[in-house]
PDB file of N, CA and C in Angstrom:
ATOM      1  N   MET A   1      51.351  83.572-170.684  1.00  0.00           N
ATOM      2  CA  MET A   1      52.718  83.103-170.547  1.00  0.00           C
ATOM      3  C   MET A   1      53.107  83.132-169.074  1.00  0.00           C
ATOM      4  N   HIS A   2      53.716  82.093-168.578  1.00  0.00           N
ATOM      5  CA  HIS A   2      54.163  82.008-167.185  1.00  0.00           C
ATOM      6  C   HIS A   2      55.566  82.590-167.060  1.00  0.00           C
ATOM      7  N   THR A   3      55.731  83.452-166.090  1.00  0.00           N
ATOM      8  CA  THR A   3      57.064  83.988-165.823  1.00  0.00           C
ATOM      9  C   THR A   3      57.496  83.546-164.446  1.00  0.00           C
ATOM     10  N   ASP A   4      58.772  83.374-164.261  1.00  0.00           N
ATOM     11  CA  ASP A   4      59.319  82.979-162.966  1.00  0.00           C
ATOM     12  C   ASP A   4      59.512  84.204-162.096  1.00  0.00           C
ATOM     13  N   ASP A   5      58.688  84.301-161.053  1.00  0.00           N
ATOM     14  CA  ASP A   5      58.785  85.423-160.118  1.00  0.00           C
ATOM     15  C   ASP A   5      59.430  84.976-158.819  1.00  0.00           C
ATOM     16  N   SER A   6      60.417  84.102-158.885  1.00  0.00           N
ATOM     17  CA  SER A   6      61.016  83.547-157.676  1.00  0.00           C
ATOM     18  C   SER A   6      61.646  84.611-156.790  1.00  0.00           C
ATOM     19  N   ASN A   7      61.987  85.761-157.358  1.00  0.00           N
ATOM     20  CA  ASN A   7      62.548  86.829-156.539  1.00  0.00           C
ATOM     21  C   ASN A   7      61.475  87.675-155.885  1.00  0.00           C
ATOM     22  N   ASP A   8      60.224  87.496-156.323  1.00  0.00           N
ATOM     23  CA  ASP A   8      59.113  88.266-155.767  1.00  0.00           C
ATOM     24  C   ASP A   8      58.547  87.513-154.576  1.00  0.00           C
ATOM     25  N   THR A   9      58.760  88.036-153.385  1.00  0.00           N
ATOM     26  CA  THR A   9      58.289  87.362-152.169  1.00  0.00           C
ATOM     27  C   THR A   9      56.976  87.949-151.680  1.00  0.00           C
ATOM     28  N   THR A  10      56.383  88.872-152.432  1.00  0.00           N
ATOM     29  CA  THR A  10      55.132  89.486-152.034  1.00  0.00           C
ATOM     30  C   THR A  10      53.971  88.678-152.595  1.00  0.00           C
ATOM     31  N   PRO A  11      53.219  87.980-151.726  1.00  0.00           N
ATOM     32  CA  PRO A  11      52.103  87.173-152.205  1.00  0.00           C
ATOM     33  C   PRO A  11      50.979  88.069-152.742  1.00  0.00           C
ATOM     34  N   LEU A  12      50.237  87.531-153.686  1.00  0.00           N
ATOM     35  CA  LEU A  12      49.100  88.242-154.242  1.00  0.00           C
ATOM     36  C   LEU A  12      48.142  88.627-153.118  1.00  0.00           C
ATOM     37  N   GLY A  13      47.710  89.856-153.102  1.00  0.00           N
ATOM     38  CA  GLY A  13      46.754  90.301-152.096  1.00  0.00           C
ATOM     39  C   GLY A  13      47.379  90.703-150.783  1.00  0.00           C
ATOM     40  N   SER A  14      48.702  90.780-150.705  1.00  0.00           N
ATOM     41  CA  SER A  14      49.332  91.148-149.441  1.00  0.00           C
ATOM     42  C   SER A  14      49.295  92.661-149.250  1.00  0.00           C
ATOM     43  N   TYR A  15      49.665  93.096-148.087  1.00  0.00           N
ATOM     44  CA  TYR A  15      49.663  94.510-147.732  1.00  0.00           C
ATOM     45  C   TYR A  15      51.051  95.107-147.916  1.00  0.00           C
ATOM     46  N   ASP A  16      51.101  96.408-148.135  1.00  0.00           N
ATOM     47  CA  ASP A  16      52.372  97.120-148.208  1.00  0.00           C
ATOM     48  C   ASP A  16      53.101  96.979-146.882  1.00  0.00           C
ATOM     49  N   ALA A  17      54.425  97.050-146.931  1.00  0.00           N
ATOM     50  CA  ALA A  17      55.246  96.916-145.723  1.00  0.00           C
ATOM     51  C   ALA A  17      54.853  97.940-144.661  1.00  0.00           C
ATOM     52  N   GLU A  18      54.496  99.144-145.063  1.00  0.00           N
ATOM     53  CA  GLU A  18      54.102 100.186-144.106  1.00  0.00           C
ATOM     54  C   GLU A  18      52.815  99.810-143.378  1.00  0.00           C
ATOM     55  N   VAL A  19      51.878  99.194-144.103  1.00  0.00           N
ATOM     56  CA  VAL A  19      50.617  98.768-143.487  1.00  0.00           C
ATOM     57  C   VAL A  19      50.891  97.634-142.508  1.00  0.00           C
ATOM     58  N   VAL A  20      51.709  96.664-142.927  1.00  0.00           N
ATOM     59  CA  VAL A  20      52.050  95.531-142.052  1.00  0.00           C
ATOM     60  C   VAL A  20      52.695  96.051-140.771  1.00  0.00           C
ATOM     61  N   GLU A  21      53.619  96.981-140.887  1.00  0.00           N
ATOM     62  CA  GLU A  21      54.285  97.532-139.703  1.00  0.00           C
ATOM     63  C   GLU A  21      53.292  98.275-138.810  1.00  0.00           C
ATOM     64  N   SER A  22      52.398  99.020-139.401  1.00  0.00           N
ATOM     65  CA  SER A  22      51.393  99.743-138.619  1.00  0.00           C
ATOM     66  C   SER A  22      50.486  98.774-137.856  1.00  0.00           C
ATOM     67  N   VAL A  23      50.091  97.699-138.520  1.00  0.00           N
ATOM     68  CA  VAL A  23      49.253  96.688-137.864  1.00  0.00           C
ATOM     69  C   VAL A  23      50.045  96.010-136.753  1.00  0.00           C
ATOM     70  N   TRP A  24      51.320  95.677-137.004  1.00  0.00           N
ATOM     71  CA  TRP A  24      52.166  95.075-135.970  1.00  0.00           C
ATOM     72  C   TRP A  24      52.212  95.974-134.735  1.00  0.00           C
ATOM     73  N   GLN A  25      52.381  97.267-134.940  1.00  0.00           N
ATOM     74  CA  GLN A  25      52.465  98.205-133.825  1.00  0.00           C
ATOM     75  C   GLN A  25      51.187  98.241-133.001  1.00  0.00           C
ATOM     76  N   SER A  26      50.069  97.845-133.593  1.00  0.00           N
ATOM     77  CA  SER A  26      48.802  97.846-132.858  1.00  0.00           C
ATOM     78  C   SER A  26      48.622  96.601-131.989  1.00  0.00           C
ATOM     79  N   ALA A  27      49.498  95.594-132.156  1.00  0.00           N
ATOM     80  CA  ALA A  27      49.439  94.398-131.306  1.00  0.00           C
ATOM     81  C   ALA A  27      49.916  94.760-129.905  1.00  0.00           C
ATOM     82  N   GLN A  28      49.513  93.960-128.943  1.00  0.00           N
ATOM     83  CA  GLN A  28      49.839  94.230-127.541  1.00  0.00           C
ATOM     84  C   GLN A  28      51.315  93.979-127.251  1.00  0.00           C
ATOM     85  N   ALA A  29      52.023  95.017-126.814  1.00  0.00           N
ATOM     86  CA  ALA A  29      53.396  94.857-126.341  1.00  0.00           C
ATOM     87  C   ALA A  29      53.339  94.222-124.954  1.00  0.00           C
ATOM     88  N   VAL A  30      54.292  93.335-124.658  1.00  0.00           N
ATOM     89  CA  VAL A  30      54.314  92.630-123.381  1.00  0.00           C
ATOM     90  C   VAL A  30      55.591  93.015-122.643  1.00  0.00           C
ATOM     91  N   PRO A  31      55.454  93.618-121.451  1.00  0.00           N
ATOM     92  CA  PRO A  31      56.645  94.008-120.685  1.00  0.00           C
ATOM     93  C   PRO A  31      57.610  92.829-120.521  1.00  0.00           C
ATOM     94  N   GLY A  32      58.897  93.131-120.661  1.00  0.00           N
ATOM     95  CA  GLY A  32      59.923  92.098-120.542  1.00  0.00           C
ATOM     96  C   GLY A  32      60.254  91.417-121.856  1.00  0.00           C
ATOM     97  N   ASN A  33      59.532  91.760-122.924  1.00  0.00           N
ATOM     98  CA  ASN A  33      59.767  91.189-124.248  1.00  0.00           C
ATOM     99  C   ASN A  33      60.043  92.318-125.236  1.00  0.00           C
ATOM    100  N   ASP A  34      60.934  92.091-126.171  1.00  0.00           N
ATOM    101  CA  ASP A  34      61.255  93.092-127.179  1.00  0.00           C
ATOM    102  C   ASP A  34      60.027  93.303-128.072  1.00  0.00           C
ATOM    103  N   PRO A  35      59.399  94.493-128.037  1.00  0.00           N
ATOM    104  CA  PRO A  35      58.185  94.727-128.817  1.00  0.00           C
ATOM    105  C   PRO A  35      58.417  94.763-130.320  1.00  0.00           C
ATOM    106  N   GLN A  36      59.674  94.814-130.742  1.00  0.00           N
ATOM    107  CA  GLN A  36      59.969  94.731-132.167  1.00  0.00           C
ATOM    108  C   GLN A  36      59.965  93.282-132.644  1.00  0.00           C
ATOM    109  N   VAL A  37      59.974  92.335-131.695  1.00  0.00           N
ATOM    110  CA  VAL A  37      60.037  90.915-132.035  1.00  0.00           C
ATOM    111  C   VAL A  37      58.797  90.153-131.575  1.00  0.00           C
ATOM    112  N   TRP A  38      58.383  90.369-130.320  1.00  0.00           N
ATOM    113  CA  TRP A  38      57.275  89.621-129.720  1.00  0.00           C
ATOM    114  C   TRP A  38      56.144  90.536-129.307  1.00  0.00           C
ATOM    115  N   ARG A  39      54.930  90.127-129.607  1.00  0.00           N
ATOM    116  CA  ARG A  39      53.718  90.808-129.151  1.00  0.00           C
ATOM    117  C   ARG A  39      52.625  89.763-129.001  1.00  0.00           C
ATOM    118  N   LYS A  40      51.451  90.210-128.586  1.00  0.00           N
ATOM    119  CA  LYS A  40      50.293  89.322-128.489  1.00  0.00           C
ATOM    120  C   LYS A  40      49.144  89.894-129.305  1.00  0.00           C
ATOM    121  N   ASP A  41      48.319  88.974-129.821  1.00  0.00           N
ATOM    122  CA  ASP A  41      47.134  89.419-130.554  1.00  0.00           C
ATOM    123  C   ASP A  41      46.007  89.725-129.570  1.00  0.00           C
ATOM    124  N   GLU A  42      44.842  90.089-130.071  1.00  0.00           N
ATOM    125  CA  GLU A  42      43.728  90.487-129.202  1.00  0.00           C
ATOM    126  C   GLU A  42      43.202  89.350-128.337  1.00  0.00           C
ATOM    127  N   PHE A  43      43.563  88.105-128.660  1.00  0.00           N
ATOM    128  CA  PHE A  43      43.147  86.964-127.858  1.00  0.00           C
ATOM    129  C   PHE A  43      44.230  86.529-126.876  1.00  0.00           C
ATOM    130  N   GLY A  44      45.364  87.226-126.906  1.00  0.00           N
ATOM    131  CA  GLY A  44      46.450  86.910-125.990  1.00  0.00           C
ATOM    132  C   GLY A  44      47.432  85.894-126.521  1.00  0.00           C
ATOM    133  N   ALA A  45      47.359  85.564-127.820  1.00  0.00           N
ATOM    134  CA  ALA A  45      48.301  84.600-128.408  1.00  0.00           C
ATOM    135  C   ALA A  45      49.594  85.308-128.789  1.00  0.00           C
ATOM    136  N   TRP A  46      50.722  84.643-128.544  1.00  0.00           N
ATOM    137  CA  TRP A  46      52.020  85.172-128.942  1.00  0.00           C
ATOM    138  C   TRP A  46      52.108  85.240-130.456  1.00  0.00           C
ATOM    139  N   ILE A  47      52.683  86.315-130.969  1.00  0.00           N
ATOM    140  CA  ILE A  47      53.010  86.443-132.380  1.00  0.00           C
ATOM    141  C   ILE A  47      54.436  86.968-132.507  1.00  0.00           C
ATOM    142  N   HIS A  48      55.120  86.524-133.537  1.00  0.00           N
ATOM    143  CA  HIS A  48      56.519  86.899-133.776  1.00  0.00           C
ATOM    144  C   HIS A  48      56.573  87.747-135.040  1.00  0.00           C
ATOM    145  N   ARG A  49      57.237  88.870-134.986  1.00  0.00           N
ATOM    146  CA  ARG A  49      57.239  89.822-136.100  1.00  0.00           C
ATOM    147  C   ARG A  49      57.644  89.186-137.424  1.00  0.00           C
ATOM    148  N   ARG A  50      58.675  88.380-137.442  1.00  0.00           N
ATOM    149  CA  ARG A  50      59.151  87.780-138.696  1.00  0.00           C
ATOM    150  C   ARG A  50      58.261  86.657-139.208  1.00  0.00           C
ATOM    151  N   ASP A  51      57.297  86.236-138.411  1.00  0.00           N
ATOM    152  CA  ASP A  51      56.438  85.123-138.812  1.00  0.00           C
ATOM    153  C   ASP A  51      55.138  85.574-139.464  1.00  0.00           C
ATOM    154  N   TYR A  52      55.117  86.795-139.982  1.00  0.00           N
ATOM    155  CA  TYR A  52      53.944  87.271-140.705  1.00  0.00           C
ATOM    156  C   TYR A  52      53.680  86.368-141.911  1.00  0.00           C
ATOM    157  N   ARG A  53      52.448  85.857-142.004  1.00  0.00           N
ATOM    158  CA  ARG A  53      51.966  84.979-143.079  1.00  0.00           C
ATOM    159  C   ARG A  53      52.648  83.612-143.092  1.00  0.00           C
ATOM    160  N   ARG A  54      53.211  83.192-141.969  1.00  0.00           N
ATOM    161  CA  ARG A  54      53.862  81.873-141.890  1.00  0.00           C
ATOM    162  C   ARG A  54      52.993  80.933-141.068  1.00  0.00           C
ATOM    163  N   ARG A  55      52.177  80.171-141.742  1.00  0.00           N
ATOM    164  CA  ARG A  55      51.253  79.260-141.059  1.00  0.00           C
ATOM    165  C   ARG A  55      51.926  78.015-140.507  1.00  0.00           C
ATOM    166  N   HIS A  56      53.165  77.763-140.849  1.00  0.00           N
ATOM    167  CA  HIS A  56      53.881  76.620-140.279  1.00  0.00           C
ATOM    168  C   HIS A  56      54.434  76.951-138.889  1.00  0.00           C
ATOM    169  N   SER A  57      54.341  78.216-138.503  1.00  0.00           N
ATOM    170  CA  SER A  57      54.888  78.643-137.216  1.00  0.00           C
ATOM    171  C   SER A  57      53.784  78.794-136.173  1.00  0.00           C
ATOM    172  N   GLU A  58      54.050  78.315-134.993  1.00  0.00           N
ATOM    173  CA  GLU A  58      53.132  78.491-133.862  1.00  0.00           C
ATOM    174  C   GLU A  58      52.876  79.971-133.596  1.00  0.00           C
ATOM    175  N   PHE A  59      53.845  80.803-133.917  1.00  0.00           N
ATOM    176  CA  PHE A  59      53.759  82.230-133.625  1.00  0.00           C
ATOM    177  C   PHE A  59      53.488  83.071-134.871  1.00  0.00           C
ATOM    178  N   GLY A  60      53.107  82.386-135.974  1.00  0.00           N
ATOM    179  CA  GLY A  60      52.768  83.085-137.203  1.00  0.00           C
ATOM    180  C   GLY A  60      51.528  83.946-137.002  1.00  0.00           C
ATOM    181  N   TRP A  61      51.417  84.990-137.820  1.00  0.00           N
ATOM    182  CA  TRP A  61      50.273  85.891-137.694  1.00  0.00           C
ATOM    183  C   TRP A  61      49.872  86.418-139.054  1.00  0.00           C
ATOM    184  N   GLU A  62      48.637  86.872-139.096  1.00  0.00           N
ATOM    185  CA  GLU A  62      48.077  87.421-140.315  1.00  0.00           C
ATOM    186  C   GLU A  62      47.310  88.678-139.962  1.00  0.00           C
ATOM    187  N   ILE A  63      46.871  89.366-140.976  1.00  0.00           N
ATOM    188  CA  ILE A  63      46.100  90.579-140.753  1.00  0.00           C
ATOM    189  C   ILE A  63      44.632  90.271-140.972  1.00  0.00           C
ATOM    190  N   ALA A  64      43.853  90.424-139.917  1.00  0.00           N
ATOM    191  CA  ALA A  64      42.399  90.287-140.014  1.00  0.00           C
ATOM    192  C   ALA A  64      41.860  91.620-140.522  1.00  0.00           C
ATOM    193  N   ASP A  65      41.137  91.561-141.612  1.00  0.00           N
ATOM    194  CA  ASP A  65      40.649  92.763-142.292  1.00  0.00           C
ATOM    195  C   ASP A  65      39.147  92.895-142.082  1.00  0.00           C
ATOM    196  N   TYR A  66      38.758  93.910-141.341  1.00  0.00           N
ATOM    197  CA  TYR A  66      37.339  94.147-141.056  1.00  0.00           C
ATOM    198  C   TYR A  66      36.802  95.330-141.849  1.00  0.00           C
ATOM    199  N   GLY A  67      37.297  95.505-143.068  1.00  0.00           N
ATOM    200  CA  GLY A  67      36.771  96.550-143.927  1.00  0.00           C
ATOM    201  C   GLY A  67      37.797  97.431-144.607  1.00  0.00           C
ATOM    202  N   TYR A  68      39.082  97.252-144.328  1.00  0.00           N
ATOM    203  CA  TYR A  68      40.125  98.105-144.903  1.00  0.00           C
ATOM    204  C   TYR A  68      40.099  98.082-146.427  1.00  0.00           C
ATOM    205  N   ARG A  69      40.043  96.888-146.996  1.00  0.00           N
ATOM    206  CA  ARG A  69      40.063  96.777-148.461  1.00  0.00           C
ATOM    207  C   ARG A  69      38.809  97.391-149.078  1.00  0.00           C
ATOM    208  N   MET A  70      37.741  97.484-148.317  1.00  0.00           N
ATOM    209  CA  MET A  70      36.529  98.127-148.799  1.00  0.00           C
ATOM    210  C   MET A  70      36.539  99.621-148.492  1.00  0.00           C
ATOM    211  N   ARG A  71      37.648 100.088-147.882  1.00  0.00           N
ATOM    212  CA  ARG A  71      37.835 101.493-147.521  1.00  0.00           C
ATOM    213  C   ARG A  71      36.806 101.955-146.491  1.00  0.00           C
ATOM    214  N   ALA A  72      36.310 101.018-145.692  1.00  0.00           N
ATOM    215  CA  ALA A  72      35.282 101.346-144.708  1.00  0.00           C
ATOM    216  C   ALA A  72      35.808 102.230-143.585  1.00  0.00           C
ATOM    217  N   THR A  73      36.862 101.785-142.918  1.00  0.00           N
ATOM    218  CA  THR A  73      37.360 102.543-141.767  1.00  0.00           C
ATOM    219  C   THR A  73      38.870 102.702-141.750  1.00  0.00           C
ATOM    220  N   GLY A  74      39.539 102.430-142.831  1.00  0.00           N
ATOM    221  CA  GLY A  74      40.984 102.603-142.885  1.00  0.00           C
ATOM    222  C   GLY A  74      41.735 101.599-142.029  1.00  0.00           C
ATOM    223  N   LEU A  75      42.917 102.010-141.577  1.00  0.00           N
ATOM    224  CA  LEU A  75      43.795 101.113-140.822  1.00  0.00           C
ATOM    225  C   LEU A  75      43.179 100.613-139.529  1.00  0.00           C
ATOM    226  N   THR A  76      42.234 101.344-138.968  1.00  0.00           N
ATOM    227  CA  THR A  76      41.627 100.890-137.713  1.00  0.00           C
ATOM    228  C   THR A  76      40.841  99.596-137.887  1.00  0.00           C
ATOM    229  N   SER A  77      40.551  99.226-139.121  1.00  0.00           N
ATOM    230  CA  SER A  77      39.815  97.980-139.361  1.00  0.00           C
ATOM    231  C   SER A  77      40.736  96.771-139.494  1.00  0.00           C
ATOM    232  N   LEU A  78      42.046  96.979-139.380  1.00  0.00           N
ATOM    233  CA  LEU A  78      43.012  95.884-139.494  1.00  0.00           C
ATOM    234  C   LEU A  78      43.509  95.466-138.121  1.00  0.00           C
ATOM    235  N   ARG A  79      43.591  94.154-137.904  1.00  0.00           N
ATOM    236  CA  ARG A  79      44.047  93.626-136.621  1.00  0.00           C
ATOM    237  C   ARG A  79      45.114  92.563-136.835  1.00  0.00           C
ATOM    238  N   PRO A  80      46.187  92.579-136.026  1.00  0.00           N
ATOM    239  CA  PRO A  80      47.154  91.482-136.085  1.00  0.00           C
ATOM    240  C   PRO A  80      46.570  90.288-135.339  1.00  0.00           C
ATOM    241  N   MET A  81      46.617  89.108-135.957  1.00  0.00           N
ATOM    242  CA  MET A  81      45.999  87.952-135.319  1.00  0.00           C
ATOM    243  C   MET A  81      46.826  86.706-135.579  1.00  0.00           C
ATOM    244  N   GLN A  82      47.103  85.949-134.514  1.00  0.00           N
ATOM    245  CA  GLN A  82      47.793  84.672-134.642  1.00  0.00           C
ATOM    246  C   GLN A  82      47.051  83.887-135.722  1.00  0.00           C
ATOM    247  N   TRP A  83      47.764  83.215-136.609  1.00  0.00           N
ATOM    248  CA  TRP A  83      47.156  82.665-137.815  1.00  0.00           C
ATOM    249  C   TRP A  83      46.009  81.696-137.551  1.00  0.00           C
ATOM    250  N   GLN A  84      46.093  80.881-136.506  1.00  0.00           N
ATOM    251  CA  GLN A  84      44.994  79.950-136.229  1.00  0.00           C
ATOM    252  C   GLN A  84      43.751  80.711-135.769  1.00  0.00           C
ATOM    253  N   ASN A  85      43.952  81.761-134.972  1.00  0.00           N
ATOM    254  CA  ASN A  85      42.819  82.595-134.580  1.00  0.00           C
ATOM    255  C   ASN A  85      42.210  83.256-135.807  1.00  0.00           C
ATOM    256  N   HIS A  86      43.050  83.661-136.744  1.00  0.00           N
ATOM    257  CA  HIS A  86      42.554  84.304-137.957  1.00  0.00           C
ATOM    258  C   HIS A  86      41.764  83.330-138.819  1.00  0.00           C
ATOM    259  N   VAL A  87      42.311  82.139-139.031  1.00  0.00           N
ATOM    260  CA  VAL A  87      41.668  81.150-139.894  1.00  0.00           C
ATOM    261  C   VAL A  87      40.318  80.709-139.341  1.00  0.00           C
ATOM    262  N   ASP A  88      40.276  80.415-138.066  1.00  0.00           N
ATOM    263  CA  ASP A  88      39.009  79.891-137.545  1.00  0.00           C
ATOM    264  C   ASP A  88      38.309  80.871-136.621  1.00  0.00           C
ATOM    265  N   PHE A  89      38.448  82.162-136.903  1.00  0.00           N
ATOM    266  CA  PHE A  89      37.825  83.165-136.052  1.00  0.00           C
ATOM    267  C   PHE A  89      36.325  82.910-135.897  1.00  0.00           C
ATOM    268  N   GLN A  90      35.626  82.645-136.969  1.00  0.00           N
ATOM    269  CA  GLN A  90      34.183  82.404-136.886  1.00  0.00           C
ATOM    270  C   GLN A  90      33.885  81.144-136.077  1.00  0.00           C
ATOM    271  N   VAL A  91      34.616  80.059-136.338  1.00  0.00           N
ATOM    272  CA  VAL A  91      34.409  78.817-135.600  1.00  0.00           C
ATOM    273  C   VAL A  91      34.788  79.011-134.138  1.00  0.00           C
ATOM    274  N   ALA A  92      35.929  79.660-133.895  1.00  0.00           N
ATOM    275  CA  ALA A  92      36.391  79.871-132.526  1.00  0.00           C
ATOM    276  C   ALA A  92      35.385  80.702-131.747  1.00  0.00           C
ATOM    277  N   ALA A  93      34.837  81.716-132.378  1.00  0.00           N
ATOM    278  CA  ALA A  93      33.868  82.571-131.688  1.00  0.00           C
ATOM    279  C   ALA A  93      32.612  81.781-131.350  1.00  0.00           C
ATOM    280  N   ARG A  94      32.176  80.922-132.264  1.00  0.00           N
ATOM    281  CA  ARG A  94      30.980  80.127-132.017  1.00  0.00           C
ATOM    282  C   ARG A  94      31.201  79.120-130.903  1.00  0.00           C
ATOM    283  N   HIS A  95      32.395  78.557-130.862  1.00  0.00           N
ATOM    284  CA  HIS A  95      32.699  77.527-129.864  1.00  0.00           C
ATOM    285  C   HIS A  95      33.382  78.108-128.640  1.00  0.00           C
ATOM    286  N   GLN A  96      33.582  79.401-128.645  1.00  0.00           N
ATOM    287  CA  GLN A  96      34.208  80.098-127.537  1.00  0.00           C
ATOM    288  C   GLN A  96      35.565  79.509-127.176  1.00  0.00           C
ATOM    289  N   ALA A  97      36.378  79.273-128.201  1.00  0.00           N
ATOM    290  CA  ALA A  97      37.744  78.792-128.000  1.00  0.00           C
ATOM    291  C   ALA A  97      38.666  79.611-128.891  1.00  0.00           C
ATOM    292  N   VAL A  98      39.824  79.959-128.352  1.00  0.00           N
ATOM    293  CA  VAL A  98      40.804  80.727-129.101  1.00  0.00           C
ATOM    294  C   VAL A  98      42.197  80.212-128.792  1.00  0.00           C
ATOM    295  N   ILE A  99      43.145  80.596-129.624  1.00  0.00           N
ATOM    296  CA  ILE A  99      44.547  80.343-129.333  1.00  0.00           C
ATOM    297  C   ILE A  99      45.013  81.483-128.436  1.00  0.00           C
ATOM    298  N   SER A 100      45.642  81.143-127.319  1.00  0.00           N
ATOM    299  CA  SER A 100      46.115  82.137-126.365  1.00  0.00           C
ATOM    300  C   SER A 100      47.421  81.651-125.757  1.00  0.00           C
ATOM    301  N   ALA A 101      48.158  82.586-125.171  1.00  0.00           N
ATOM    302  CA  ALA A 101      49.436  82.231-124.557  1.00  0.00           C
ATOM    303  C   ALA A 101      49.225  81.305-123.368  1.00  0.00           C
ATOM    304  N   ASP A 102      50.109  80.325-123.264  1.00  0.00           N
ATOM    305  CA  ASP A 102      50.192  79.440-122.107  1.00  0.00           C
ATOM    306  C   ASP A 102      51.671  79.455-121.732  1.00  0.00           C
ATOM    307  N   GLY A 103      52.053  80.439-120.932  1.00  0.00           N
ATOM    308  CA  GLY A 103      53.466  80.649-120.657  1.00  0.00           C
ATOM    309  C   GLY A 103      54.144  81.176-121.905  1.00  0.00           C
ATOM    310  N   LEU A 104      55.166  80.467-122.359  1.00  0.00           N
ATOM    311  CA  LEU A 104      55.896  80.888-123.547  1.00  0.00           C
ATOM    312  C   LEU A 104      55.402  80.196-124.822  1.00  0.00           C
ATOM    313  N   ARG A 105      54.334  79.428-124.722  1.00  0.00           N
ATOM    314  CA  ARG A 105      53.766  78.702-125.863  1.00  0.00           C
ATOM    315  C   ARG A 105      52.349  79.219-126.117  1.00  0.00           C
ATOM    316  N   ASN A 106      51.747  78.771-127.193  1.00  0.00           N
ATOM    317  CA  ASN A 106      50.350  79.056-127.489  1.00  0.00           C
ATOM    318  C   ASN A 106      49.555  77.768-127.354  1.00  0.00           C
ATOM    319  N   ALA A 107      48.319  77.875-126.890  1.00  0.00           N
ATOM    320  CA  ALA A 107      47.452  76.711-126.728  1.00  0.00           C
ATOM    321  C   ALA A 107      46.003  77.137-126.943  1.00  0.00           C
ATOM    322  N   ARG A 108      45.174  76.195-127.378  1.00  0.00           N
ATOM    323  CA  ARG A 108      43.745  76.484-127.536  1.00  0.00           C
ATOM    324  C   ARG A 108      43.104  76.496-126.161  1.00  0.00           C
ATOM    325  N   ARG A 109      42.333  77.549-125.905  1.00  0.00           N
ATOM    326  CA  ARG A 109      41.669  77.708-124.609  1.00  0.00           C
ATOM    327  C   ARG A 109      40.208  78.057-124.798  1.00  0.00           C
ATOM    328  N   LEU A 110      39.398  77.572-123.908  1.00  0.00           N
ATOM    329  CA  LEU A 110      38.003  77.992-123.871  1.00  0.00           C
ATOM    330  C   LEU A 110      37.921  79.352-123.219  1.00  0.00           C
ATOM    331  N   VAL A 111      37.054  80.204-123.735  1.00  0.00           N
ATOM    332  CA  VAL A 111      36.892  81.539-123.149  1.00  0.00           C
ATOM    333  C   VAL A 111      35.534  81.682-122.515  1.00  0.00           C
TER     334      VAL A 111
END
């Protein structure tokens, strides 16, 4: 039976709010920017706190999981990553291109 879960904004497979906040805190704070709102991922791409799991946003971000769900290394295996970097991490690594900050915007750059 299908039920209407329109009030449930937690997507299947998402992380608890405490985990999301902990991962956000591990992103790079940038001097001159409010660290509760703006940070950068490990590739230097801007991410916006409210844009978690929002792929329509240039500043959307997701959690890259390198073993947390398998209980391999706990929270240290989770990384905040701009969504395009997250989606094509394998392709980007092979082609040596990532999404990174270009001033106040994000752009694909060769590394």
